[in-house]
PDB file of N, CA and C in Angstrom:
ATOM      1  N   MET A   1     130.286  65.984  25.784  1.00  0.00           N
ATOM      2  CA  MET A   1     129.816  65.993  24.409  1.00  0.00           C
ATOM      3  C   MET A   1     130.904  65.433  23.493  1.00  0.00           C
ATOM      4  N   ASN A   2     130.551  64.498  22.655  1.00  0.00           N
ATOM      5  CA  ASN A   2     131.507  63.903  21.728  1.00  0.00           C
ATOM      6  C   ASN A   2     131.804  64.857  20.587  1.00  0.00           C
ATOM      7  N   GLN A   3     133.072  64.932  20.215  1.00  0.00           N
ATOM      8  CA  GLN A   3     133.494  65.795  19.119  1.00  0.00           C
ATOM      9  C   GLN A   3     133.648  64.949  17.863  1.00  0.00           C
ATOM     10  N   PRO A   4     132.909  65.253  16.803  1.00  0.00           N
ATOM     11  CA  PRO A   4     133.085  64.493  15.563  1.00  0.00           C
ATOM     12  C   PRO A   4     134.459  64.763  14.961  1.00  0.00           C
ATOM     13  N   ASP A   5     134.974  63.781  14.206  1.00  0.00           N
ATOM     14  CA  ASP A   5     136.305  63.910  13.610  1.00  0.00           C
ATOM     15  C   ASP A   5     136.434  65.135  12.720  1.00  0.00           C
ATOM     16  N   GLY A   6     135.368  65.479  12.014  1.00  0.00           N
ATOM     17  CA  GLY A   6     135.426  66.589  11.083  1.00  0.00           C
ATOM     18  C   GLY A   6     134.948  67.896  11.680  1.00  0.00           C
ATOM     19  N   GLU A   7     135.089  68.054  12.993  1.00  0.00           N
ATOM     20  CA  GLU A   7     134.600  69.266  13.649  1.00  0.00           C
ATOM     21  C   GLU A   7     135.225  70.507  13.017  1.00  0.00           C
ATOM     22  N   ILE A   8     134.381  71.473  12.722  1.00  0.00           N
ATOM     23  CA  ILE A   8     134.815  72.729  12.118  1.00  0.00           C
ATOM     24  C   ILE A   8     134.848  73.801  13.205  1.00  0.00           C
ATOM     25  N   LEU A   9     135.955  74.520  13.276  1.00  0.00           N
ATOM     26  CA  LEU A   9     136.138  75.567  14.277  1.00  0.00           C
ATOM     27  C   LEU A   9     136.187  76.935  13.616  1.00  0.00           C
ATOM     28  N   THR A  10     135.741  77.940  14.352  1.00  0.00           N
ATOM     29  CA  THR A  10     135.852  79.324  13.902  1.00  0.00           C
ATOM     30  C   THR A  10     137.233  79.860  14.274  1.00  0.00           C
ATOM     31  N   LEU A  11     137.549  81.023  13.760  1.00  0.00           N
ATOM     32  CA  LEU A  11     138.820  81.660  14.081  1.00  0.00           C
ATOM     33  C   LEU A  11     138.932  81.893  15.588  1.00  0.00           C
ATOM     34  N   ASP A  12     137.861  82.351  16.213  1.00  0.00           N
ATOM     35  CA  ASP A  12     137.877  82.587  17.660  1.00  0.00           C
ATOM     36  C   ASP A  12     138.144  81.295  18.428  1.00  0.00           C
ATOM     37  N   GLU A  13     137.503  80.201  18.003  1.00  0.00           N
ATOM     38  CA  GLU A  13     137.694  78.916  18.674  1.00  0.00           C
ATOM     39  C   GLU A  13     139.118  78.407  18.497  1.00  0.00           C
ATOM     40  N   VAL A  14     139.692  78.623  17.318  1.00  0.00           N
ATOM     41  CA  VAL A  14     141.076  78.203  17.070  1.00  0.00           C
ATOM     42  C   VAL A  14     142.033  79.011  17.941  1.00  0.00           C
ATOM     43  N   ALA A  15     141.768  80.287  18.092  1.00  0.00           N
ATOM     44  CA  ALA A  15     142.617  81.123  18.941  1.00  0.00           C
ATOM     45  C   ALA A  15     142.626  80.583  20.374  1.00  0.00           C
ATOM     46  N   VAL A  16     141.468  80.200  20.878  1.00  0.00           N
ATOM     47  CA  VAL A  16     141.387  79.623  22.224  1.00  0.00           C
ATOM     48  C   VAL A  16     142.102  78.274  22.252  1.00  0.00           C
ATOM     49  N   TYR A  17     141.853  77.440  21.252  1.00  0.00           N
ATOM     50  CA  TYR A  17     142.441  76.100  21.171  1.00  0.00           C
ATOM     51  C   TYR A  17     143.966  76.164  21.156  1.00  0.00           C
ATOM     52  N   LEU A  18     144.518  77.104  20.397  1.00  0.00           N
ATOM     53  CA  LEU A  18     145.972  77.243  20.280  1.00  0.00           C
ATOM     54  C   LEU A  18     146.571  78.154  21.345  1.00  0.00           C
ATOM     55  N   LYS A  19     145.697  78.784  22.130  1.00  0.00           N
ATOM     56  CA  LYS A  19     146.141  79.762  23.132  1.00  0.00           C
ATOM     57  C   LYS A  19     146.970  80.859  22.461  1.00  0.00           C
ATOM     58  N   ALA A  20     146.408  81.362  21.362  1.00  0.00           N
ATOM     59  CA  ALA A  20     147.055  82.410  20.575  1.00  0.00           C
ATOM     60  C   ALA A  20     146.053  83.539  20.355  1.00  0.00           C
ATOM     61  N   GLY A  21     146.539  84.676  19.966  1.00  0.00           N
ATOM     62  CA  GLY A  21     145.662  85.796  19.667  1.00  0.00           C
ATOM     63  C   GLY A  21     144.906  85.583  18.366  1.00  0.00           C
ATOM     64  N   LYS A  22     143.737  86.192  18.274  1.00  0.00           N
ATOM     65  CA  LYS A  22     142.933  86.080  17.056  1.00  0.00           C
ATOM     66  C   LYS A  22     143.671  86.655  15.850  1.00  0.00           C
ATOM     67  N   LYS A  23     144.378  87.763  16.055  1.00  0.00           N
ATOM     68  CA  LYS A  23     145.130  88.372  14.949  1.00  0.00           C
ATOM     69  C   LYS A  23     146.240  87.447  14.464  1.00  0.00           C
ATOM     70  N   THR A  24     146.863  86.741  15.387  1.00  0.00           N
ATOM     71  CA  THR A  24     147.920  85.798  15.015  1.00  0.00           C
ATOM     72  C   THR A  24     147.355  84.662  14.180  1.00  0.00           C
ATOM     73  N   VAL A  25     146.232  84.091  14.617  1.00  0.00           N
ATOM     74  CA  VAL A  25     145.599  82.998  13.873  1.00  0.00           C
ATOM     75  C   VAL A  25     145.174  83.493  12.496  1.00  0.00           C
ATOM     76  N   TYR A  26     144.599  84.684  12.425  1.00  0.00           N
ATOM     77  CA  TYR A  26     144.172  85.254  11.146  1.00  0.00           C
ATOM     78  C   TYR A  26     145.367  85.410  10.205  1.00  0.00           C
ATOM     79  N   ARG A  27     146.458  85.954  10.726  1.00  0.00           N
ATOM     80  CA  ARG A  27     147.665  86.158   9.909  1.00  0.00           C
ATOM     81  C   ARG A  27     148.212  84.821   9.412  1.00  0.00           C
ATOM     82  N   LEU A  28     148.278  83.828  10.285  1.00  0.00           N
ATOM     83  CA  LEU A  28     148.768  82.509   9.884  1.00  0.00           C
ATOM     84  C   LEU A  28     147.885  81.899   8.799  1.00  0.00           C
ATOM     85  N   ALA A  29     146.582  82.079   8.922  1.00  0.00           N
ATOM     86  CA  ALA A  29     145.652  81.551   7.915  1.00  0.00           C
ATOM     87  C   ALA A  29     145.837  82.284   6.587  1.00  0.00           C
ATOM     88  N   GLN A  30     145.929  83.599   6.637  1.00  0.00           N
ATOM     89  CA  GLN A  30     146.110  84.402   5.420  1.00  0.00           C
ATOM     90  C   GLN A  30     147.386  84.012   4.679  1.00  0.00           C
ATOM     91  N   GLN A  31     148.439  83.707   5.441  1.00  0.00           N
ATOM     92  CA  GLN A  31     149.734  83.372   4.852  1.00  0.00           C
ATOM     93  C   GLN A  31     149.838  81.897   4.465  1.00  0.00           C
ATOM     94  N   GLY A  32     148.796  81.119   4.747  1.00  0.00           N
ATOM     95  CA  GLY A  32     148.813  79.699   4.416  1.00  0.00           C
ATOM     96  C   GLY A  32     149.683  78.868   5.342  1.00  0.00           C
ATOM     97  N   GLU A  33     150.022  79.418   6.496  1.00  0.00           N
ATOM     98  CA  GLU A  33     150.886  78.719   7.451  1.00  0.00           C
ATOM     99  C   GLU A  33     150.108  77.711   8.289  1.00  0.00           C
ATOM    100  N   ILE A  34     148.807  77.911   8.395  1.00  0.00           N
ATOM    101  CA  ILE A  34     147.949  77.054   9.201  1.00  0.00           C
ATOM    102  C   ILE A  34     146.811  76.576   8.300  1.00  0.00           C
ATOM    103  N   PRO A  35     146.402  75.312   8.410  1.00  0.00           N
ATOM    104  CA  PRO A  35     145.366  74.797   7.505  1.00  0.00           C
ATOM    105  C   PRO A  35     143.992  75.382   7.817  1.00  0.00           C
ATOM    106  N   GLY A  36     143.386  75.981   6.820  1.00  0.00           N
ATOM    107  CA  GLY A  36     142.058  76.556   6.992  1.00  0.00           C
ATOM    108  C   GLY A  36     141.447  76.867   5.645  1.00  0.00           C
ATOM    109  N   PHE A  37     140.191  77.273   5.674  1.00  0.00           N
ATOM    110  CA  PHE A  37     139.491  77.634   4.442  1.00  0.00           C
ATOM    111  C   PHE A  37     138.469  78.712   4.767  1.00  0.00           C
ATOM    112  N   LYS A  38     138.095  79.447   3.742  1.00  0.00           N
ATOM    113  CA  LYS A  38     137.101  80.498   3.915  1.00  0.00           C
ATOM    114  C   LYS A  38     135.732  79.973   3.515  1.00  0.00           C
ATOM    115  N   LEU A  39     134.748  80.297   4.323  1.00  0.00           N
ATOM    116  CA  LEU A  39     133.362  79.946   4.056  1.00  0.00           C
ATOM    117  C   LEU A  39     132.548  81.220   4.227  1.00  0.00           C
ATOM    118  N   GLY A  40     132.026  81.721   3.125  1.00  0.00           N
ATOM    119  CA  GLY A  40     131.262  82.963   3.201  1.00  0.00           C
ATOM    120  C   GLY A  40     132.076  84.138   3.701  1.00  0.00           C
ATOM    121  N   GLY A  41     133.365  84.136   3.393  1.00  0.00           N
ATOM    122  CA  GLY A  41     134.217  85.256   3.780  1.00  0.00           C
ATOM    123  C   GLY A  41     134.811  85.152   5.171  1.00  0.00           C
ATOM    124  N   THR A  42     134.489  84.086   5.913  1.00  0.00           N
ATOM    125  CA  THR A  42     135.063  83.921   7.248  1.00  0.00           C
ATOM    126  C   THR A  42     135.888  82.640   7.299  1.00  0.00           C
ATOM    127  N   TRP A  43     136.938  82.673   8.083  1.00  0.00           N
ATOM    128  CA  TRP A  43     137.838  81.527   8.190  1.00  0.00           C
ATOM    129  C   TRP A  43     137.213  80.410   9.003  1.00  0.00           C
ATOM    130  N   ARG A  44     137.439  79.169   8.544  1.00  0.00           N
ATOM    131  CA  ARG A  44     137.014  77.957   9.242  1.00  0.00           C
ATOM    132  C   ARG A  44     138.189  76.983   9.230  1.00  0.00           C
ATOM    133  N   PHE A  45     138.231  76.124  10.231  1.00  0.00           N
ATOM    134  CA  PHE A  45     139.350  75.207  10.403  1.00  0.00           C
ATOM    135  C   PHE A  45     138.832  73.857  10.881  1.00  0.00           C
ATOM    136  N   ARG A  46     139.394  72.770  10.323  1.00  0.00           N
ATOM    137  CA  ARG A  46     139.063  71.419  10.801  1.00  0.00           C
ATOM    138  C   ARG A  46     139.993  71.080  11.966  1.00  0.00           C
ATOM    139  N   ARG A  47     139.397  70.616  13.066  1.00  0.00           N
ATOM    140  CA  ARG A  47     140.195  70.276  14.242  1.00  0.00           C
ATOM    141  C   ARG A  47     141.245  69.206  13.910  1.00  0.00           C
ATOM    142  N   THR A  48     140.874  68.205  13.111  1.00  0.00           N
ATOM    143  CA  THR A  48     141.826  67.133  12.781  1.00  0.00           C
ATOM    144  C   THR A  48     143.026  67.674  12.008  1.00  0.00           C
ATOM    145  N   GLU A  49     142.792  68.623  11.105  1.00  0.00           N
ATOM    146  CA  GLU A  49     143.901  69.220  10.349  1.00  0.00           C
ATOM    147  C   GLU A  49     144.782  70.065  11.256  1.00  0.00           C
ATOM    148  N   LEU A  50     144.169  70.764  12.200  1.00  0.00           N
ATOM    149  CA  LEU A  50     144.955  71.546  13.160  1.00  0.00           C
ATOM    150  C   LEU A  50     145.826  70.633  14.013  1.00  0.00           C
ATOM    151  N   ASP A  51     145.250  69.503  14.447  1.00  0.00           N
ATOM    152  CA  ASP A  51     146.020  68.563  15.262  1.00  0.00           C
ATOM    153  C   ASP A  51     147.219  68.023  14.488  1.00  0.00           C
ATOM    154  N   ARG A  52     147.027  67.727  13.198  1.00  0.00           N
ATOM    155  CA  ARG A  52     148.142  67.259  12.363  1.00  0.00           C
ATOM    156  C   ARG A  52     149.185  68.368  12.196  1.00  0.00           C
ATOM    157  N   TRP A  53     148.716  69.599  12.015  1.00  0.00           N
ATOM    158  CA  TRP A  53     149.624  70.737  11.863  1.00  0.00           C
ATOM    159  C   TRP A  53     150.452  70.924  13.141  1.00  0.00           C
ATOM    160  N   ILE A  54     149.794  70.813  14.292  1.00  0.00           N
ATOM    161  CA  ILE A  54     150.495  70.942  15.574  1.00  0.00           C
ATOM    162  C   ILE A  54     151.558  69.854  15.694  1.00  0.00           C
ATOM    163  N   ALA A  55     151.192  68.612  15.372  1.00  0.00           N
ATOM    164  CA  ALA A  55     152.145  67.497  15.449  1.00  0.00           C
ATOM    165  C   ALA A  55     153.340  67.741  14.528  1.00  0.00           C
ATOM    166  N   ALA A  56     153.091  68.268  13.340  1.00  0.00           N
ATOM    167  CA  ALA A  56     154.174  68.560  12.398  1.00  0.00           C
ATOM    168  C   ALA A  56     155.082  69.660  12.941  1.00  0.00           C
ATOM    169  N   GLN A  57     154.502  70.665  13.578  1.00  0.00           N
ATOM    170  CA  GLN A  57     155.301  71.743  14.156  1.00  0.00           C
ATOM    171  C   GLN A  57     156.212  71.201  15.248  1.00  0.00           C
ATOM    172  N   ILE A  58     155.666  70.311  16.078  1.00  0.00           N
ATOM    173  CA  ILE A  58     156.451  69.709  17.158  1.00  0.00           C
ATOM    174  C   ILE A  58     157.564  68.849  16.571  1.00  0.00           C
ATOM    175  N   ALA A  59     157.246  68.061  15.543  1.00  0.00           N
ATOM    176  CA  ALA A  59     158.249  67.198  14.905  1.00  0.00           C
ATOM    177  C   ALA A  59     159.371  68.032  14.296  1.00  0.00           C
ATOM    178  N   ASP A  60     159.015  69.145  13.652  1.00  0.00           N
ATOM    179  CA  ASP A  60     160.028  70.023  13.056  1.00  0.00           C
ATOM    180  C   ASP A  60     160.958  70.583  14.121  1.00  0.00           C
ATOM    181  N   LYS A  61     160.397  70.997  15.242  1.00  0.00           N
ATOM    182  CA  LYS A  61     161.209  71.557  16.331  1.00  0.00           C
ATOM    183  C   LYS A  61     162.137  70.495  16.902  1.00  0.00           C
ATOM    184  N   THR A  62     161.628  69.258  17.028  1.00  0.00           N
ATOM    185  CA  THR A  62     162.430  68.161  17.555  1.00  0.00           C
ATOM    186  C   THR A  62     163.581  67.841  16.619  1.00  0.00           C
ATOM    187  N   GLN A  63     163.326  67.826  15.313  1.00  0.00           N
ATOM    188  CA  GLN A  63     164.378  67.533  14.332  1.00  0.00           C
ATOM    189  C   GLN A  63     165.428  68.635  14.300  1.00  0.00           C
ATOM    190  N   ASP A  64     165.003  69.874  14.508  1.00  0.00           N
ATOM    191  CA  ASP A  64     165.952  70.989  14.508  1.00  0.00           C
ATOM    192  C   ASP A  64     166.946  70.875  15.657  1.00  0.00           C
ATOM    193  N   LYS A  65     166.539  70.258  16.759  1.00  0.00           N
ATOM    194  CA  LYS A  65     167.394  70.146  17.939  1.00  0.00           C
ATOM    195  C   LYS A  65     168.400  69.015  17.824  1.00  0.00           C
ATOM    196  N   THR A  66     168.172  68.084  16.890  1.00  0.00           N
ATOM    197  CA  THR A  66     169.088  66.944  16.767  1.00  0.00           C
ATOM    198  C   THR A  66     170.153  67.194  15.731  1.00  0.00           C
TER     199      THR A  66
END
């Protein structure tokens, strides 16, 4: 199945995608550490924004080592 660029993920799906706990993803979203938005009181996340966030996290870690 093809994934559209603007695919929207739920908190549970993001937890699986990041291999993190749901509480961790929720906390990161609440603190504004991870890109997301609320829709009807529940968190939603764009896969493309998560991918950019992941790339930025990796870049930051790489720069810290140099």
